[in-house]
Each structure stands twice: as structure tokens, then as C-alpha cells.
Amino acid sequence: MDQYRSLLHVAATRAKKALRVSWSGKPTALVK
């Protein structure tokens, strides 16, 4: 799980203009 959270962090911090994160239903552990 930590590997996926790390990848999400890298994607969020390296986004040039915008980053959109969405989900439907119950949030996963990554977005809590």
C-alpha cells in the first residue's frame, strides 16, 4: 500500500497544471 501512496504523491507533486482525483463509492485507503 505504501508503494501506491508514494506513486500518488509523486503524481500529485509533479503535475504541471492540474491533477484531478476522483472515485465513486467508498474512498480507498489511498485517499483517506
PDB file of N, CA and C in Angstrom:
ATOM      1  N   MET A   1       0.823  -1.188   0.000  1.00  0.00           N
ATOM      2  CA  MET A   1       0.000   0.000   0.000  1.00  0.00           C
ATOM      3  C   MET A   1       0.870   1.255   0.000  1.00  0.00           C
ATOM      4  N   ASP A   2       1.979   1.234   0.725  1.00  0.00           N
ATOM      5  CA  ASP A   2       2.856   2.408   0.775  1.00  0.00           C
ATOM      6  C   ASP A   2       3.419   2.753  -0.592  1.00  0.00           C
ATOM      7  N   GLN A   3       3.669   1.739  -1.423  1.00  0.00           N
ATOM      8  CA  GLN A   3       4.194   1.991  -2.770  1.00  0.00           C
ATOM      9  C   GLN A   3       3.171   2.776  -3.591  1.00  0.00           C
ATOM     10  N   TYR A   4       1.910   2.411  -3.517  1.00  0.00           N
ATOM     11  CA  TYR A   4       0.871   3.109  -4.271  1.00  0.00           C
ATOM     12  C   TYR A   4       0.675   4.531  -3.746  1.00  0.00           C
ATOM     13  N   ARG A   5       0.741   4.690  -2.443  1.00  0.00           N
ATOM     14  CA  ARG A   5       0.615   6.029  -1.858  1.00  0.00           C
ATOM     15  C   ARG A   5       1.786   6.907  -2.287  1.00  0.00           C
ATOM     16  N   SER A   6       2.974   6.330  -2.359  1.00  0.00           N
ATOM     17  CA  SER A   6       4.151   7.069  -2.817  1.00  0.00           C
ATOM     18  C   SER A   6       3.993   7.488  -4.273  1.00  0.00           C
ATOM     19  N   LEU A   7       3.486   6.595  -5.115  1.00  0.00           N
ATOM     20  CA  LEU A   7       3.256   6.932  -6.521  1.00  0.00           C
ATOM     21  C   LEU A   7       2.213   8.035  -6.661  1.00  0.00           C
ATOM     22  N   LEU A   8       1.179   7.986  -5.856  1.00  0.00           N
ATOM     23  CA  LEU A   8       0.163   9.036  -5.886  1.00  0.00           C
ATOM     24  C   LEU A   8       0.765  10.377  -5.476  1.00  0.00           C
ATOM     25  N   HIS A   9       1.623  10.358  -4.471  1.00  0.00           N
ATOM     26  CA  HIS A   9       2.285  11.586  -4.025  1.00  0.00           C
ATOM     27  C   HIS A   9       3.164  12.168  -5.134  1.00  0.00           C
ATOM     28  N   VAL A  10       3.930  11.320  -5.808  1.00  0.00           N
ATOM     29  CA  VAL A  10       4.791  11.782  -6.902  1.00  0.00           C
ATOM     30  C   VAL A  10       3.947  12.371  -8.023  1.00  0.00           C
ATOM     31  N   ALA A  11       2.869  11.706  -8.379  1.00  0.00           N
ATOM     32  CA  ALA A  11       1.994  12.209  -9.443  1.00  0.00           C
ATOM     33  C   ALA A  11       1.395  13.560  -9.057  1.00  0.00           C
ATOM     34  N   ALA A  12       1.011  13.709  -7.811  1.00  0.00           N
ATOM     35  CA  ALA A  12       0.395  14.956  -7.361  1.00  0.00           C
ATOM     36  C   ALA A  12       1.399  16.101  -7.330  1.00  0.00           C
ATOM     37  N   THR A  13       2.618  15.825  -6.914  1.00  0.00           N
ATOM     38  CA  THR A  13       3.596  16.899  -6.784  1.00  0.00           C
ATOM     39  C   THR A  13       4.244  17.253  -8.111  1.00  0.00           C
ATOM     40  N   ARG A  14       4.178  16.370  -9.094  1.00  0.00           N
ATOM     41  CA  ARG A  14       4.789  16.649 -10.392  1.00  0.00           C
ATOM     42  C   ARG A  14       3.789  17.096 -11.452  1.00  0.00           C
ATOM     43  N   ALA A  15       2.539  17.191 -11.076  1.00  0.00           N
ATOM     44  CA  ALA A  15       1.529  17.640 -12.037  1.00  0.00           C
ATOM     45  C   ALA A  15       1.844  19.070 -12.459  1.00  0.00           C
ATOM     46  N   LYS A  16       1.904  19.319 -13.761  1.00  0.00           N
ATOM     47  CA  LYS A  16       2.296  20.635 -14.276  1.00  0.00           C
ATOM     48  C   LYS A  16       1.201  21.680 -14.086  1.00  0.00           C
ATOM     49  N   LYS A  17      -0.024  21.352 -14.468  1.00  0.00           N
ATOM     50  CA  LYS A  17      -1.107  22.339 -14.401  1.00  0.00           C
ATOM     51  C   LYS A  17      -2.186  21.945 -13.406  1.00  0.00           C
ATOM     52  N   ALA A  18      -2.627  20.710 -13.477  1.00  0.00           N
ATOM     53  CA  ALA A  18      -3.728  20.300 -12.604  1.00  0.00           C
ATOM     54  C   ALA A  18      -3.691  18.798 -12.394  1.00  0.00           C
ATOM     55  N   LEU A  19      -4.270  18.381 -11.309  1.00  0.00           N
ATOM     56  CA  LEU A  19      -4.409  16.959 -11.014  1.00  0.00           C
ATOM     57  C   LEU A  19      -5.827  16.741 -10.520  1.00  0.00           C
ATOM     58  N   ARG A  20      -6.507  15.827 -11.140  1.00  0.00           N
ATOM     59  CA  ARG A  20      -7.876  15.526 -10.736  1.00  0.00           C
ATOM     60  C   ARG A  20      -7.914  14.092 -10.218  1.00  0.00           C
ATOM     61  N   VAL A  21      -8.370  13.940  -8.998  1.00  0.00           N
ATOM     62  CA  VAL A  21      -8.513  12.622  -8.388  1.00  0.00           C
ATOM     63  C   VAL A  21      -9.990  12.427  -8.102  1.00  0.00           C
ATOM     64  N   SER A  22     -10.538  11.344  -8.603  1.00  0.00           N
ATOM     65  CA  SER A  22     -11.952  11.088  -8.356  1.00  0.00           C
ATOM     66  C   SER A  22     -12.177   9.608  -8.101  1.00  0.00           C
ATOM     67  N   TRP A  23     -13.289   9.299  -7.483  1.00  0.00           N
ATOM     68  CA  TRP A  23     -13.681   7.925  -7.225  1.00  0.00           C
ATOM     69  C   TRP A  23     -15.176   7.905  -7.012  1.00  0.00           C
ATOM     70  N   SER A  24     -15.734   6.736  -7.069  1.00  0.00           N
ATOM     71  CA  SER A  24     -17.153   6.601  -6.760  1.00  0.00           C
ATOM     72  C   SER A  24     -17.297   5.572  -5.654  1.00  0.00           C
ATOM     73  N   GLY A  25     -18.252   5.794  -4.820  1.00  0.00           N
ATOM     74  CA  GLY A  25     -18.461   4.882  -3.709  1.00  0.00           C
ATOM     75  C   GLY A  25     -17.550   5.209  -2.536  1.00  0.00           C
ATOM     76  N   LYS A  26     -17.216   4.201  -1.791  1.00  0.00           N
ATOM     77  CA  LYS A  26     -16.413   4.356  -0.591  1.00  0.00           C
ATOM     78  C   LYS A  26     -14.957   4.674  -0.947  1.00  0.00           C
ATOM     79  N   PRO A  27     -14.356   5.706  -0.338  1.00  0.00           N
ATOM     80  CA  PRO A  27     -12.960   6.036  -0.629  1.00  0.00           C
ATOM     81  C   PRO A  27     -12.021   4.899  -0.220  1.00  0.00           C
ATOM     82  N   THR A  28     -10.959   4.729  -0.980  1.00  0.00           N
ATOM     83  CA  THR A  28      -9.975   3.705  -0.654  1.00  0.00           C
ATOM     84  C   THR A  28      -9.002   4.240   0.386  1.00  0.00           C
ATOM     85  N   ALA A  29      -8.118   3.390   0.847  1.00  0.00           N
ATOM     86  CA  ALA A  29      -7.120   3.798   1.835  1.00  0.00           C
ATOM     87  C   ALA A  29      -6.160   4.830   1.268  1.00  0.00           C
ATOM     88  N   LEU A  30      -6.017   4.896  -0.051  1.00  0.00           N
ATOM     89  CA  LEU A  30      -5.092   5.851  -0.661  1.00  0.00           C
ATOM     90  C   LEU A  30      -5.548   7.287  -0.501  1.00  0.00           C
ATOM     91  N   VAL A  31      -6.832   7.534  -0.478  1.00  0.00           N
ATOM     92  CA  VAL A  31      -7.331   8.905  -0.430  1.00  0.00           C
ATOM     93  C   VAL A  31      -7.871   9.301   0.936  1.00  0.00           C
ATOM     94  N   LYS A  32      -7.733   8.462   1.906  1.00  0.00           N
ATOM     95  CA  LYS A  32      -8.193   8.804   3.261  1.00  0.00           C
ATOM     96  C   LYS A  32      -7.212   9.711   3.941  1.00  0.00           C
TER      97      LYS A  32
END
